[in-house]
Amino acid sequence: MRILLIGNSKSTEVLADYFTQNPDNIVFSTLNNTSAEFINIPIENIQELKDFALANEMSLTVLCDKESILSAIATEFREAGLSIFAPDSEHKIINSKIWAKRFIYKNKIPTPRFQFFEKPQAAIDYVRKNKFPIVIKPDTISPLGTRICETFGAAKSAIEEFFDNGFKKILIEEYIWGKEFIVYTICDGYNPLILCEISKYQNTFASLGVDFLSNAEKQSLKNEIITPFLNSLTKENGEYTGILGFNFIKTKDKTYLISCNPFFKDIDAQIAIKGVKEDWEKLFESAISGTLCSDFTEINLSQDYILAYEFYENGKKEDICAQAKTFNQARKILYDEGANKSEIEEALKFWKY
């Protein structure tokens, strides 16, 4: 199989490692320094990417990050008859956090209290009256990211920074204390298939291999939130083909849906791709052809502990991924790789092993 990976994310690197393990694959990547063959074509050069894919008879292209997904690449490739795994860039669920939040609320799914603003002063007046911490994020994708503000001063600065950087709308929501986790699904336009659940800790640690959700809770999430959500999304905004992550927070009494993610987050990429013990080529092809749920009745997961840890060293983000048969082995790998002991111990107390 001839595979083209487009994107500059950790997912691009991890998928390159995965696909190149099969000697029958010829793999190309727009990200340098991966195990795939590098092609030096920026994602904004869509015509050049399309010409490359056609000339090299690509059998599968995967868009691996939000920037490539939000571009017109998928539309252009499909019109040229190329097989590509990605949602439609016109899908509002991936290009507007406010639209997604209102969609969640309209479908009566529990979500933190929120407001959106188009003027900085109105947003500042709103946070002045609210409890802290509070969450502030721009409506569209941004390198500035999401801010969790502990004080009014921090919130005011975040609001001003977002508007000063050209964002026309921002979303402000209540901060919920609880257990963070993401349920990743793969969709073929109509049907969602749950890939895995990944436990989170303050966006620094992530883990697969822990039953923090009971089977009854998993079934409830699928039947009461995920499947109805995708059905409603299809009716209102068209078919969704691709990865869709559901970001949840679980408290003692309730589980809240916070947001959705159109591909794997960096910290989750290694965990999901290593943890799912299925043929990813077939998963992607089945989703594209619309035969996902007939080809896969359920997903087999690794029985190993798989943990990921992100940290900064000399101003540069680094990451470690540990895979082991026991939790203590995985923890030792993290320690040996230089992860901060006190932070890991704090995270381990939060996880219920």
Protein backbone atom coordinates (compact mmCIF):
# COMPACT_ATOMS: atom_id res chain seq x y z
CA MET A 1 0.00 0.00 0.00
CA ARG A 2 1.19 3.52 -0.85
CA ILE A 3 0.32 5.89 2.02
CA LEU A 4 0.61 9.67 2.34
CA LEU A 5 0.49 11.25 5.82
CA ILE A 6 -0.22 14.99 5.89
CA GLY A 7 0.27 17.06 9.03
CA ASN A 8 2.85 18.33 11.48
CA SER A 9 1.58 16.65 14.63
CA LYS A 10 2.71 13.80 16.86
CA SER A 11 0.04 11.67 15.18
CA THR A 12 1.90 12.02 11.87
CA GLU A 13 5.09 10.68 13.46
CA VAL A 14 3.36 7.82 15.26
CA LEU A 15 1.39 6.72 12.20
CA ALA A 16 4.59 6.87 10.13
CA ASP A 17 6.24 4.51 12.63
CA TYR A 18 3.24 2.20 12.54
CA PHE A 19 2.77 2.01 8.76
CA THR A 20 6.49 1.62 7.96
CA GLN A 21 6.64 -1.52 10.11
CA ASN A 22 4.84 -3.28 7.26
CA PRO A 23 7.47 -3.92 4.53
CA ASP A 24 4.72 -3.95 1.89
CA ASN A 25 3.91 -0.29 2.58
CA ILE A 26 5.55 2.69 0.93
CA VAL A 27 4.94 5.65 3.25
CA PHE A 28 5.42 9.37 2.66
CA SER A 29 5.06 12.16 5.20
CA THR A 30 4.95 15.96 5.14
CA LEU A 31 6.62 15.90 8.58
CA ASN A 32 10.41 15.62 8.54
CA ASN A 33 12.44 13.25 10.73
CA THR A 34 9.94 10.39 10.83
CA SER A 35 10.42 6.81 9.64
CA ALA A 36 8.48 7.67 6.46
CA GLU A 37 9.99 9.29 3.38
CA PHE A 38 9.82 13.07 3.76
CA ILE A 39 8.18 15.16 1.05
CA ASN A 40 8.90 18.86 1.37
CA ILE A 41 5.48 20.21 0.40
CA PRO A 42 3.73 22.62 2.81
CA ILE A 43 0.10 21.76 3.52
CA GLU A 44 -1.06 25.06 2.03
CA ASN A 45 0.26 23.90 -1.38
CA ILE A 46 -2.79 21.76 -2.02
CA GLN A 47 -2.37 21.48 -5.78
CA GLU A 48 1.22 20.27 -5.38
CA LEU A 49 0.16 17.72 -2.74
CA LYS A 50 -2.62 16.48 -5.01
CA ASP A 51 -0.29 16.24 -8.00
CA PHE A 52 2.20 14.27 -5.87
CA ALA A 53 -0.52 11.88 -4.68
CA LEU A 54 -1.79 11.30 -8.22
CA ALA A 55 1.67 10.85 -9.72
CA ASN A 56 2.65 8.36 -7.02
CA GLU A 57 -0.70 6.52 -7.12
CA MET A 58 -1.44 6.88 -3.41
CA SER A 59 -3.89 4.27 -2.19
CA LEU A 60 -4.52 6.06 1.11
CA THR A 61 -4.00 9.60 2.42
CA VAL A 62 -4.52 10.49 6.09
CA LEU A 63 -4.87 14.04 7.41
CA CYS A 64 -3.22 13.92 10.83
CA ASP A 65 -3.86 17.29 12.48
CA LYS A 66 -6.43 20.06 12.75
CA GLU A 67 -4.61 22.40 10.38
CA SER A 68 -4.68 19.91 7.52
CA ILE A 69 -8.24 18.82 8.34
CA LEU A 70 -9.45 22.45 8.28
CA SER A 71 -7.81 23.03 4.89
CA ALA A 72 -9.42 22.18 1.55
CA ILE A 73 -7.15 19.15 1.07
CA ALA A 74 -9.87 16.52 1.67
CA THR A 75 -12.27 18.17 -0.80
CA GLU A 76 -9.61 18.53 -3.50
CA PHE A 77 -8.38 14.95 -3.08
CA ARG A 78 -11.88 13.47 -3.22
CA GLU A 79 -12.72 15.44 -6.35
CA ALA A 80 -9.57 13.98 -7.92
CA GLY A 81 -10.70 10.44 -7.04
CA LEU A 82 -8.09 9.96 -4.30
CA SER A 83 -8.91 7.92 -1.19
CA ILE A 84 -8.51 10.16 1.85
CA PHE A 85 -9.34 9.69 5.54
CA ALA A 86 -10.57 12.97 7.02
CA PRO A 87 -13.82 14.74 7.88
CA ASP A 88 -15.14 17.41 5.54
CA SER A 89 -13.45 20.74 6.34
CA GLU A 90 -16.89 22.41 6.13
CA HIS A 91 -18.04 20.46 9.19
CA LYS A 92 -18.88 23.05 11.85
CA ILE A 93 -18.08 20.67 14.71
CA ILE A 94 -14.37 20.95 13.89
CA ASN A 95 -14.04 24.64 13.06
CA SER A 96 -16.06 26.35 15.79
CA LYS A 97 -15.87 25.57 19.51
CA ILE A 98 -18.92 27.77 20.07
CA TRP A 99 -20.98 25.89 17.47
CA ALA A 100 -19.92 22.58 19.06
CA LYS A 101 -20.79 23.81 22.54
CA ARG A 102 -24.23 25.00 21.48
CA PHE A 103 -24.79 21.72 19.65
CA ILE A 104 -23.94 19.77 22.82
CA TYR A 105 -26.30 21.95 24.87
CA LYS A 106 -29.12 21.73 22.29
CA ASN A 107 -28.92 17.94 22.41
CA LYS A 108 -29.43 18.04 26.19
CA ILE A 109 -26.00 16.56 26.98
CA PRO A 110 -24.61 17.73 30.35
CA THR A 111 -21.91 20.35 29.75
CA PRO A 112 -20.39 23.11 31.92
CA ARG A 113 -22.20 26.46 31.98
CA PHE A 114 -20.87 28.70 29.20
CA GLN A 115 -21.16 32.02 27.39
CA PHE A 116 -19.57 33.35 24.23
CA PHE A 117 -18.54 36.93 23.51
CA GLU A 118 -17.68 39.08 20.51
CA LYS A 119 -16.44 42.11 22.49
CA PRO A 120 -13.65 42.11 25.09
CA GLN A 121 -15.32 44.45 27.58
CA ALA A 122 -18.48 42.32 27.77
CA ALA A 123 -16.31 39.24 28.42
CA ILE A 124 -14.32 41.06 31.11
CA ASP A 125 -17.51 42.22 32.84
CA TYR A 126 -18.78 38.63 32.76
CA VAL A 127 -15.71 37.03 34.36
CA ARG A 128 -15.59 39.78 37.00
CA LYS A 129 -18.85 38.37 38.41
CA ASN A 130 -17.92 34.69 38.20
CA LYS A 131 -16.14 32.20 40.43
CA PHE A 132 -12.60 31.05 39.67
CA PRO A 133 -10.97 29.09 38.17
CA ILE A 134 -12.64 29.75 34.84
CA VAL A 135 -11.89 28.43 31.34
CA ILE A 136 -11.33 30.79 28.38
CA LYS A 137 -10.70 29.69 24.79
CA PRO A 138 -10.89 31.20 21.30
CA ASP A 139 -13.66 30.02 18.99
CA THR A 140 -11.27 28.60 16.38
CA ILE A 141 -7.99 26.67 16.46
CA SER A 142 -5.15 28.66 17.98
CA PRO A 143 -1.54 28.16 19.06
CA LEU A 144 -2.51 30.24 22.11
CA GLY A 145 -4.56 27.26 23.32
CA THR A 146 -7.05 27.18 26.18
CA ARG A 147 -6.52 29.15 29.38
CA ILE A 148 -7.57 28.01 32.85
CA CYS A 149 -7.53 31.25 34.84
CA GLU A 150 -7.26 31.30 38.64
CA THR A 151 -7.78 35.04 39.11
CA PHE A 152 -9.64 37.95 37.54
CA GLY A 153 -6.34 39.48 36.45
CA ALA A 154 -5.32 36.32 34.59
CA ALA A 155 -8.76 36.08 32.96
CA LYS A 156 -8.69 39.73 31.85
CA SER A 157 -5.22 39.27 30.33
CA ALA A 158 -6.32 36.12 28.47
CA ILE A 159 -9.41 37.83 27.06
CA GLU A 160 -7.40 40.83 25.86
CA GLU A 161 -4.72 38.60 24.35
CA PHE A 162 -7.24 36.56 22.35
CA PHE A 163 -8.98 39.64 20.94
CA ASP A 164 -5.66 41.43 20.33
CA ASN A 165 -4.58 38.44 18.22
CA GLY A 166 -7.53 38.81 15.90
CA PHE A 167 -10.05 36.34 17.30
CA LYS A 168 -13.58 37.61 16.76
CA LYS A 169 -15.27 35.34 19.32
CA ILE A 170 -14.22 33.66 22.55
CA LEU A 171 -15.85 30.99 24.68
CA ILE A 172 -15.90 31.21 28.48
CA GLU A 173 -17.05 28.25 30.53
CA GLU A 174 -17.31 27.06 34.09
CA TYR A 175 -14.39 24.98 35.37
CA ILE A 176 -15.48 21.52 36.50
CA TRP A 177 -13.40 19.58 39.02
CA GLY A 178 -13.30 15.89 38.21
CA LYS A 179 -11.66 13.04 36.32
CA GLU A 180 -10.77 13.91 32.74
CA PHE A 181 -10.94 11.31 30.00
CA ILE A 182 -11.39 11.11 26.24
CA VAL A 183 -13.39 8.52 24.32
CA TYR A 184 -12.02 8.25 20.79
CA THR A 185 -14.32 7.03 18.05
CA ILE A 186 -13.88 6.36 14.34
CA CYS A 187 -16.84 7.20 12.10
CA ASP A 188 -17.76 6.15 8.58
CA GLY A 189 -20.28 8.91 7.92
CA TYR A 190 -23.08 7.46 9.99
CA ASN A 191 -21.83 4.88 12.47
CA PRO A 192 -19.43 5.52 15.37
CA LEU A 193 -17.14 2.74 16.55
CA ILE A 194 -15.45 3.30 19.91
CA LEU A 195 -11.68 2.90 19.60
CA CYS A 196 -10.49 3.44 23.17
CA GLU A 197 -10.88 5.48 26.35
CA ILE A 198 -7.87 7.43 27.56
CA SER A 199 -7.52 8.72 31.10
CA LYS A 200 -6.12 12.26 31.45
CA TYR A 201 -4.37 14.26 34.12
CA GLN A 202 -4.14 18.03 33.55
CA ASN A 203 -3.15 17.49 29.88
CA THR A 204 0.30 16.35 31.07
CA PHE A 205 -0.27 12.62 31.59
CA ALA A 206 -2.48 10.17 29.72
CA SER A 207 -3.05 6.45 30.15
CA LEU A 208 -4.70 3.43 28.56
CA GLY A 209 -4.97 0.19 30.50
CA VAL A 210 -6.99 1.31 33.51
CA ASP A 211 -10.65 0.46 34.01
CA PHE A 212 -11.68 3.89 35.28
CA LEU A 213 -15.02 3.31 33.54
CA SER A 214 -17.18 0.28 34.27
CA ASN A 215 -18.67 -1.67 31.37
CA ALA A 216 -22.07 -0.26 32.30
CA GLU A 217 -20.69 3.29 32.18
CA LYS A 218 -19.08 2.68 28.80
CA GLN A 219 -22.31 1.29 27.38
CA SER A 220 -24.25 4.20 28.81
CA LEU A 221 -21.89 6.75 27.24
CA LYS A 222 -22.21 5.04 23.87
CA ASN A 223 -25.99 4.60 23.93
CA GLU A 224 -26.98 7.85 25.63
CA ILE A 225 -24.39 10.34 24.34
CA ILE A 226 -22.06 9.22 21.54
CA THR A 227 -24.45 7.46 19.15
CA PRO A 228 -27.32 10.00 19.53
CA PHE A 229 -24.75 12.82 19.18
CA LEU A 230 -23.44 11.42 15.86
CA ASN A 231 -26.97 10.77 14.59
CA SER A 232 -28.00 14.33 15.35
CA LEU A 233 -24.75 15.69 13.89
CA THR A 234 -25.32 13.81 10.63
CA LYS A 235 -28.86 15.17 10.28
CA GLU A 236 -27.87 18.77 11.00
CA ASN A 237 -24.37 19.14 9.57
CA GLY A 238 -23.83 16.23 7.18
CA GLU A 239 -21.89 12.97 7.31
CA TYR A 240 -18.81 12.80 9.52
CA THR A 241 -16.03 10.47 8.36
CA GLY A 242 -12.91 10.45 10.53
CA ILE A 243 -11.72 10.38 14.11
CA LEU A 244 -13.87 12.16 16.68
CA GLY A 245 -12.73 12.40 20.29
CA PHE A 246 -15.27 13.13 23.03
CA ASN A 247 -13.67 15.05 25.91
CA PHE A 248 -15.40 14.25 29.20
CA ILE A 249 -15.06 15.17 32.87
CA LYS A 250 -16.47 12.74 35.39
CA THR A 251 -17.48 14.00 38.83
CA LYS A 252 -18.94 12.02 41.70
CA ASP A 253 -22.48 12.59 40.48
CA LYS A 254 -22.35 13.34 36.75
CA THR A 255 -20.34 13.04 33.54
CA TYR A 256 -20.00 16.22 31.44
CA LEU A 257 -19.14 16.47 27.75
CA ILE A 258 -16.68 19.37 27.42
CA SER A 259 -15.76 19.40 23.73
CA CYS A 260 -14.92 17.31 20.66
CA ASN A 261 -11.61 16.78 18.87
CA PRO A 262 -11.30 15.88 15.14
CA PHE A 263 -8.15 13.78 15.50
CA PHE A 264 -5.84 12.45 18.23
CA LYS A 265 -4.34 14.98 20.60
CA ASP A 266 -0.53 14.84 20.66
CA ILE A 267 -0.32 13.23 24.09
CA ASP A 268 -2.90 10.60 23.09
CA ALA A 269 -1.53 9.61 19.68
CA GLN A 270 0.97 6.98 20.83
CA ILE A 271 -1.44 5.54 23.38
CA ALA A 272 -4.31 5.17 20.92
CA ILE A 273 -2.29 3.81 18.00
CA LYS A 274 -0.29 1.39 20.16
CA GLY A 275 -3.27 0.49 22.33
CA VAL A 276 -5.68 -0.42 19.55
CA LYS A 277 -4.68 -3.90 18.36
CA GLU A 278 -6.31 -3.70 14.96
CA ASP A 279 -5.12 -3.12 11.42
CA TRP A 280 -5.18 0.68 11.07
CA GLU A 281 -5.03 0.48 7.28
CA LYS A 282 -8.25 -1.54 7.32
CA LEU A 283 -9.87 0.73 9.92
CA PHE A 284 -9.24 3.79 7.76
CA GLU A 285 -10.31 2.07 4.54
CA SER A 286 -13.51 0.71 6.12
CA ALA A 287 -14.41 4.17 7.41
CA ILE A 288 -13.87 5.66 3.94
CA SER A 289 -15.97 2.96 2.24
CA GLY A 290 -18.76 3.14 4.84
CA THR A 291 -18.40 -0.51 5.96
CA LEU A 292 -16.89 0.14 9.39
CA CYS A 293 -19.47 -1.54 11.59
CA SER A 294 -19.82 -4.57 9.31
CA ASP A 295 -16.03 -5.05 9.18
CA PHE A 296 -15.50 -4.45 12.93
CA THR A 297 -17.95 -5.50 15.62
CA GLU A 298 -15.65 -4.39 18.44
CA ILE A 299 -12.11 -3.12 18.92
CA ASN A 300 -9.39 -5.25 20.51
CA LEU A 301 -7.19 -3.33 22.94
CA SER A 302 -3.73 -4.03 24.30
CA GLN A 303 -3.66 -5.56 27.78
CA ASP A 304 -0.46 -3.66 28.56
CA TYR A 305 -0.27 -0.46 30.55
CA ILE A 306 0.44 2.39 28.15
CA LEU A 307 1.25 5.80 29.61
CA ALA A 308 2.31 9.06 28.00
CA TYR A 309 3.94 12.01 29.73
CA GLU A 310 4.64 15.47 28.26
CA PHE A 311 7.18 17.88 29.70
CA TYR A 312 9.32 20.83 28.68
CA GLU A 313 13.09 20.68 28.57
CA ASN A 314 15.14 23.73 27.61
CA GLY A 315 11.96 25.36 26.34
CA LYS A 316 11.12 22.50 24.00
CA LYS A 317 8.23 20.09 24.48
CA GLU A 318 9.36 16.49 24.94
CA ASP A 319 7.33 13.34 25.40
CA ILE A 320 7.76 9.86 26.81
CA CYS A 321 5.59 6.83 26.14
CA ALA A 322 5.84 3.74 28.33
CA GLN A 323 4.32 0.34 27.54
CA ALA A 324 4.64 -2.51 30.02
CA LYS A 325 2.86 -5.58 31.36
CA THR A 326 2.56 -4.11 34.84
CA PHE A 327 1.98 -0.61 36.10
CA ASN A 328 5.22 -0.62 38.13
CA GLN A 329 7.23 -1.47 35.00
CA ALA A 330 5.62 1.42 33.14
CA ARG A 331 6.28 3.80 36.01
CA LYS A 332 9.95 2.72 36.10
CA ILE A 333 10.28 3.45 32.39
CA LEU A 334 8.93 6.95 32.95
CA TYR A 335 11.35 7.52 35.82
CA ASP A 336 14.30 6.19 33.84
CA GLU A 337 13.44 8.48 30.95
CA GLY A 338 13.62 11.51 33.24
CA ALA A 339 9.99 12.25 34.13
CA ASN A 340 9.58 14.37 37.26
CA LYS A 341 9.00 12.04 40.23
CA SER A 342 6.77 14.29 42.31
CA GLU A 343 4.49 15.08 39.36
CA ILE A 344 4.17 11.42 38.41
CA GLU A 345 3.38 10.39 41.99
CA GLU A 346 0.70 13.08 42.17
CA ALA A 347 -0.82 11.82 38.94
CA LEU A 348 -0.68 8.21 40.10
CA LYS A 349 -2.62 9.08 43.23
CA PHE A 350 -5.27 10.67 41.06
CA TRP A 351 -5.54 7.63 38.82
CA LYS A 352 -7.33 4.75 40.50
CA TYR A 353 -4.97 1.82 40.05
